[in-house]
Protein backbone atom coordinates (compact mmCIF):
# COMPACT_ATOMS: atom_id res chain seq x y z
CA UNK A 1 0.00 0.00 0.00
CA UNK A 2 2.48 2.59 -1.25
CA UNK A 3 -0.05 5.34 -1.94
CA UNK A 4 -0.55 7.22 1.31
CA UNK A 5 -1.24 10.90 0.77
CA UNK A 6 0.45 13.01 3.42
CA UNK A 7 -0.67 16.49 4.45
CA UNK A 8 1.82 18.26 6.69
CA UNK A 9 2.08 21.68 8.34
CA UNK A 10 5.73 21.89 9.37
CA UNK A 11 7.16 25.42 9.60
CA UNK A 12 10.34 24.33 11.39
CA UNK A 13 10.67 20.69 10.26
CA UNK A 14 9.59 18.61 13.26
CA UNK A 15 6.30 17.47 11.75
CA UNK A 16 7.96 16.60 8.44
CA UNK A 17 10.39 14.27 10.21
CA UNK A 18 7.57 12.45 11.97
CA UNK A 19 5.48 12.22 8.80
CA UNK A 20 8.36 10.73 6.82
CA UNK A 21 9.05 8.12 9.50
CA UNK A 22 5.40 7.09 9.80
CA UNK A 23 4.71 6.91 6.07
CA UNK A 24 8.06 5.44 5.02
CA UNK A 25 7.91 3.77 1.62
CA UNK A 26 4.12 4.11 1.71
CA UNK A 27 4.36 7.85 1.09
CA UNK A 28 2.75 9.00 -2.12
CA UNK A 29 1.57 12.53 -2.90
CA UNK A 30 2.51 15.19 -0.33
CA UNK A 31 0.40 18.24 0.46
CA UNK A 32 2.27 21.17 2.04
CA UNK A 33 -0.19 22.88 4.35
CA UNK A 34 2.16 25.83 4.90
CA UNK A 35 1.10 27.00 1.41
CA UNK A 36 -2.31 27.43 -0.24
CA UNK A 37 -3.93 24.10 -1.13
CA UNK A 38 -5.86 23.18 -4.26
CA UNK A 39 -9.13 21.39 -3.52
CA UNK A 40 -8.95 17.65 -4.05
CA UNK A 41 -10.97 14.49 -3.42
CA UNK A 42 -9.15 11.30 -2.49
CA UNK A 43 -10.20 8.05 -4.08
CA UNK A 44 -12.01 5.63 -1.75
CA UNK A 45 -9.49 3.51 0.11
CA UNK A 46 -6.58 5.95 -0.27
CA UNK A 47 -5.15 6.62 3.23
CA UNK A 48 -4.47 10.20 4.28
CA UNK A 49 -1.79 10.89 6.89
CA UNK A 50 -2.08 14.35 8.46
CA UNK A 51 0.65 15.71 10.75
CA UNK A 52 0.26 19.09 12.42
CA UNK A 53 1.96 21.01 15.24
CA UNK A 54 0.20 22.05 18.44
CA UNK A 55 0.12 25.74 19.32
CA UNK A 56 -1.28 26.44 22.77
CA UNK A 57 -3.26 23.21 22.81
CA UNK A 58 -4.92 23.78 19.42
CA UNK A 59 -4.19 23.36 15.73
CA UNK A 60 -3.04 26.36 13.67
CA UNK A 61 -6.22 27.84 12.18
CA UNK A 62 -4.64 28.41 8.78
CA UNK A 63 -3.62 24.74 8.62
CA UNK A 64 -7.16 23.62 9.46
CA UNK A 65 -8.55 25.93 6.78
CA UNK A 66 -6.27 24.38 4.15
CA UNK A 67 -6.90 20.83 5.33
CA UNK A 68 -10.62 21.35 4.69
CA UNK A 69 -9.77 21.45 0.97
CA UNK A 70 -8.91 17.73 1.10
CA UNK A 71 -12.01 15.57 0.99
CA UNK A 72 -12.49 11.84 1.43
CA UNK A 73 -15.19 9.29 0.74
CA UNK A 74 -15.12 7.15 3.87
CA UNK A 75 -11.38 7.08 3.23
CA UNK A 76 -9.05 6.03 6.08
CA UNK A 77 -7.07 8.78 7.79
CA UNK A 78 -4.25 8.86 10.33
CA UNK A 79 -4.29 11.92 12.62
CA UNK A 80 -0.98 12.93 14.20
CA UNK A 81 -0.06 15.98 16.26
CA UNK A 82 3.40 17.06 17.34
CA UNK A 83 3.90 19.21 20.43
CA UNK A 84 6.73 20.81 22.38
CA UNK A 85 6.56 18.64 25.51
CA UNK A 86 3.95 20.67 27.46
CA UNK A 87 0.63 19.07 26.37
CA UNK A 88 -1.42 18.56 23.24
CA UNK A 89 -4.69 19.35 25.03
CA UNK A 90 -7.55 19.35 22.48
CA UNK A 91 -5.47 19.38 19.29
CA UNK A 92 -5.71 15.67 18.48
CA UNK A 93 -9.47 15.64 19.01
CA UNK A 94 -9.78 18.75 16.86
CA UNK A 95 -7.81 17.08 14.06
CA UNK A 96 -9.94 13.93 14.28
CA UNK A 97 -13.11 16.04 14.13
CA UNK A 98 -11.94 18.03 11.09
CA UNK A 99 -11.03 14.85 9.23
CA UNK A 100 -14.34 13.21 10.10
CA UNK A 101 -16.24 16.24 8.84
CA UNK A 102 -14.22 16.03 5.62
CA UNK A 103 -15.44 12.49 4.91
CA UNK A 104 -12.62 10.47 6.46
CA UNK A 105 -12.61 7.63 8.99
CA UNK A 106 -9.81 8.21 11.49
CA UNK A 107 -8.43 4.70 11.96
CA UNK A 108 -5.32 5.67 13.94
CA UNK A 109 -3.94 8.66 15.79
CA UNK A 110 -0.82 9.67 17.67
CA UNK A 111 0.87 12.50 19.54
CA UNK A 112 4.64 12.88 19.21
CA UNK A 113 7.09 15.30 20.80
CA UNK A 114 9.47 17.69 19.07
CA UNK A 115 11.90 20.29 20.35
CA UNK A 116 9.87 23.34 21.29
CA UNK A 117 9.99 25.77 18.38
CA UNK A 118 10.21 28.83 20.66
CA UNK A 119 11.94 27.62 23.83
CA UNK A 120 14.63 25.43 22.29
CA UNK A 121 15.79 24.21 25.72
CA UNK A 122 12.49 22.30 26.05
CA UNK A 123 12.69 18.77 24.59
CA UNK A 124 16.03 19.43 22.86
CA UNK A 125 16.87 16.93 20.13
CA UNK A 126 13.32 15.57 19.88
CA UNK A 127 12.20 13.68 17.95
CA UNK A 128 15.17 11.52 18.90
CA UNK A 129 16.14 8.06 17.64
CA UNK A 130 13.66 6.37 19.97
CA UNK A 131 10.83 8.64 18.81
CA UNK A 132 11.67 7.96 15.17
CA UNK A 133 11.79 4.22 15.71
CA UNK A 134 8.38 4.34 17.38
CA UNK A 135 7.03 6.42 14.47
CA UNK A 136 8.22 3.75 12.03
CA UNK A 137 6.59 1.03 14.14
CA UNK A 138 3.38 3.05 14.32
CA UNK A 139 3.27 3.34 10.54
CA UNK A 140 3.72 -0.41 10.17
CA UNK A 141 0.96 -1.06 12.72
CA UNK A 142 -1.39 1.26 10.84
CA UNK A 143 -0.68 -0.54 7.57
CA UNK A 144 -1.37 -3.88 9.25
CA UNK A 145 -4.65 -2.57 10.66
CA UNK A 146 -5.75 -1.31 7.24
CA UNK A 147 -5.40 -4.83 5.88
CA UNK A 148 -8.09 -6.16 8.22
CA UNK A 149 -10.36 -3.30 9.33
CA UNK A 150 -11.00 0.43 9.30
CA UNK A 151 -12.46 0.85 12.76
CA UNK A 152 -12.30 4.43 14.01
CA UNK A 153 -10.39 5.36 17.16
CA UNK A 154 -11.24 7.49 20.18
CA UNK A 155 -8.80 10.20 21.27
CA UNK A 156 -8.63 12.43 24.35
CA UNK A 157 -9.68 16.05 24.43
CA UNK A 158 -12.49 18.45 25.33
CA UNK A 159 -15.06 18.63 22.51
CA UNK A 160 -15.61 22.32 23.26
CA UNK A 161 -11.88 22.92 22.59
CA UNK A 162 -9.80 25.44 24.47
CA UNK A 163 -9.68 28.99 23.02
CA UNK A 164 -7.19 29.63 20.25
CA UNK A 165 -4.09 31.23 21.78
CA UNK A 166 -3.36 34.91 21.26
CA UNK A 167 0.13 35.69 20.05
CA UNK A 168 1.71 38.09 22.58
CA UNK A 169 4.57 39.18 20.32
CA UNK A 170 5.95 38.93 16.80
CA UNK A 171 9.54 38.32 15.72
CA UNK A 172 11.71 41.42 15.58
CA UNK A 173 14.16 42.25 12.82
CA UNK A 174 17.75 43.22 13.64
CA UNK A 175 20.21 45.33 11.67
CA UNK A 176 21.64 42.11 10.23
CA UNK A 177 18.64 41.87 7.86
CA UNK A 178 19.71 42.05 4.22
CA UNK A 179 16.17 42.35 2.88
CA UNK A 180 16.38 39.12 0.84
CA UNK A 181 12.67 38.45 1.33
CA UNK A 182 12.99 34.71 2.02
CA UNK A 183 10.92 35.10 5.20
CA UNK A 184 8.13 36.79 3.25
CA UNK A 185 8.19 34.09 0.58
CA UNK A 186 8.00 31.24 3.08
CA UNK A 187 5.70 32.69 5.77
CA UNK A 188 2.72 30.29 6.02
CA UNK A 189 0.23 33.06 6.80
CA UNK A 190 1.53 35.87 4.63
CA UNK A 191 2.30 37.94 7.73
CA UNK A 192 5.50 39.36 6.21
CA UNK A 193 4.94 41.66 3.21
CA UNK A 194 7.28 41.06 0.29
CA UNK A 195 7.51 44.81 -0.26
CA UNK A 196 8.83 45.35 3.26
CA UNK A 197 10.16 42.10 4.80
CA UNK A 198 11.48 43.98 7.82
CA UNK A 199 7.93 44.23 9.18
CA UNK A 200 5.40 41.68 10.48
CA UNK A 201 1.62 41.86 10.53
CA UNK A 202 0.73 41.02 14.14
CA UNK A 203 -2.82 40.15 13.08
CA UNK A 204 -1.60 37.37 10.80
CA UNK A 205 1.49 36.08 12.63
CA UNK A 206 0.94 32.77 14.46
CA UNK A 207 4.48 32.67 15.88
CA UNK A 208 5.30 29.49 13.97
CA UNK A 209 8.99 30.52 14.03
CA UNK A 210 9.64 29.66 10.39
CA UNK A 211 11.02 33.12 9.61
CA UNK A 212 13.50 32.80 12.46
CA UNK A 213 14.48 29.26 11.48
CA UNK A 214 15.15 30.00 7.80
CA UNK A 215 16.71 33.48 7.92
CA UNK A 216 20.18 33.13 6.34
CA UNK A 217 21.51 36.00 8.48
CA UNK A 218 19.74 35.05 11.71
CA UNK A 219 18.27 38.54 11.57
CA UNK A 220 14.85 37.65 12.96
CA UNK A 221 14.57 37.06 16.69
CA UNK A 222 12.13 37.17 19.55
CA UNK A 223 12.79 40.01 22.02
CA UNK A 224 15.20 38.49 24.58
CA UNK A 225 13.09 39.45 27.65
CA UNK A 226 10.01 37.84 26.08
CA UNK A 227 11.92 34.69 25.14
CA UNK A 228 13.44 34.44 28.62
CA UNK A 229 10.07 34.78 30.31
CA UNK A 230 8.43 32.26 28.01
CA UNK A 231 11.25 29.76 28.54
CA UNK A 232 11.10 30.17 32.32
CA UNK A 233 7.36 29.44 32.36
CA UNK A 234 7.80 26.35 30.22
CA UNK A 235 10.71 25.10 32.31
CA UNK A 236 8.39 25.14 35.31
CA UNK A 237 5.68 23.02 33.65
CA UNK A 238 7.24 21.14 30.73
CA UNK A 239 10.75 20.13 31.71
CA UNK A 240 9.92 16.46 32.39
CA UNK A 241 10.30 14.51 29.11
CA UNK A 242 7.02 13.20 27.75
CA UNK A 243 6.58 10.13 25.57
CA UNK A 244 4.58 9.61 22.37
CA UNK A 245 1.00 8.35 22.70
CA UNK A 246 -0.48 6.03 20.08
CA UNK A 247 -4.11 5.21 19.36
CA UNK A 248 -4.88 2.20 17.17
């Protein structure tokens, strides 16, 4: 069954790593949810693997909006969220609900851990070798399940969902900026105007950290006092390493 479609929102790469390990040689077409998506319907029986990050216990709204363009016909889906070691709260349930509404049967789900995209001292090096091995095993278990049944799975979460988080700050631009515009080109929400890449639209920014991760001059940063405060709060509640959770 080497025809899994994968839909991934991965601004800083953690979700892409997990998706590749789960799908393995089964990976077929790939949908990049960090860019606009063309509407498509999957053929009955074609599995869809969706991997998304967790921001404040929810899915990124722009990623959900783009995922709604992918429709199924009782097609099997695998819902996976990746979070920065604090908690995934209602995100996995939200992903299952979106997929169900889109005509999919969620036959498997999982929550994996990645290095926190903002506070890099939280879960450093995750997903590690053990995480990746478990992701490979999870993919094989999903394939085995698809050979015999497509029973749906239950996942934890509050069906009312927690409120979408408000972004308290946007990345700042230092004098090192050369104005190349790569951040504007790659911003998933279009928060950085191509005509003036030294600015950020606070109403569109979701603090996904892609602009900081890809800047060739490391010219985009979070204000040090904000980053220090955020890291301190996470160290108090998310320092203990968490382990992946699988639902089959």
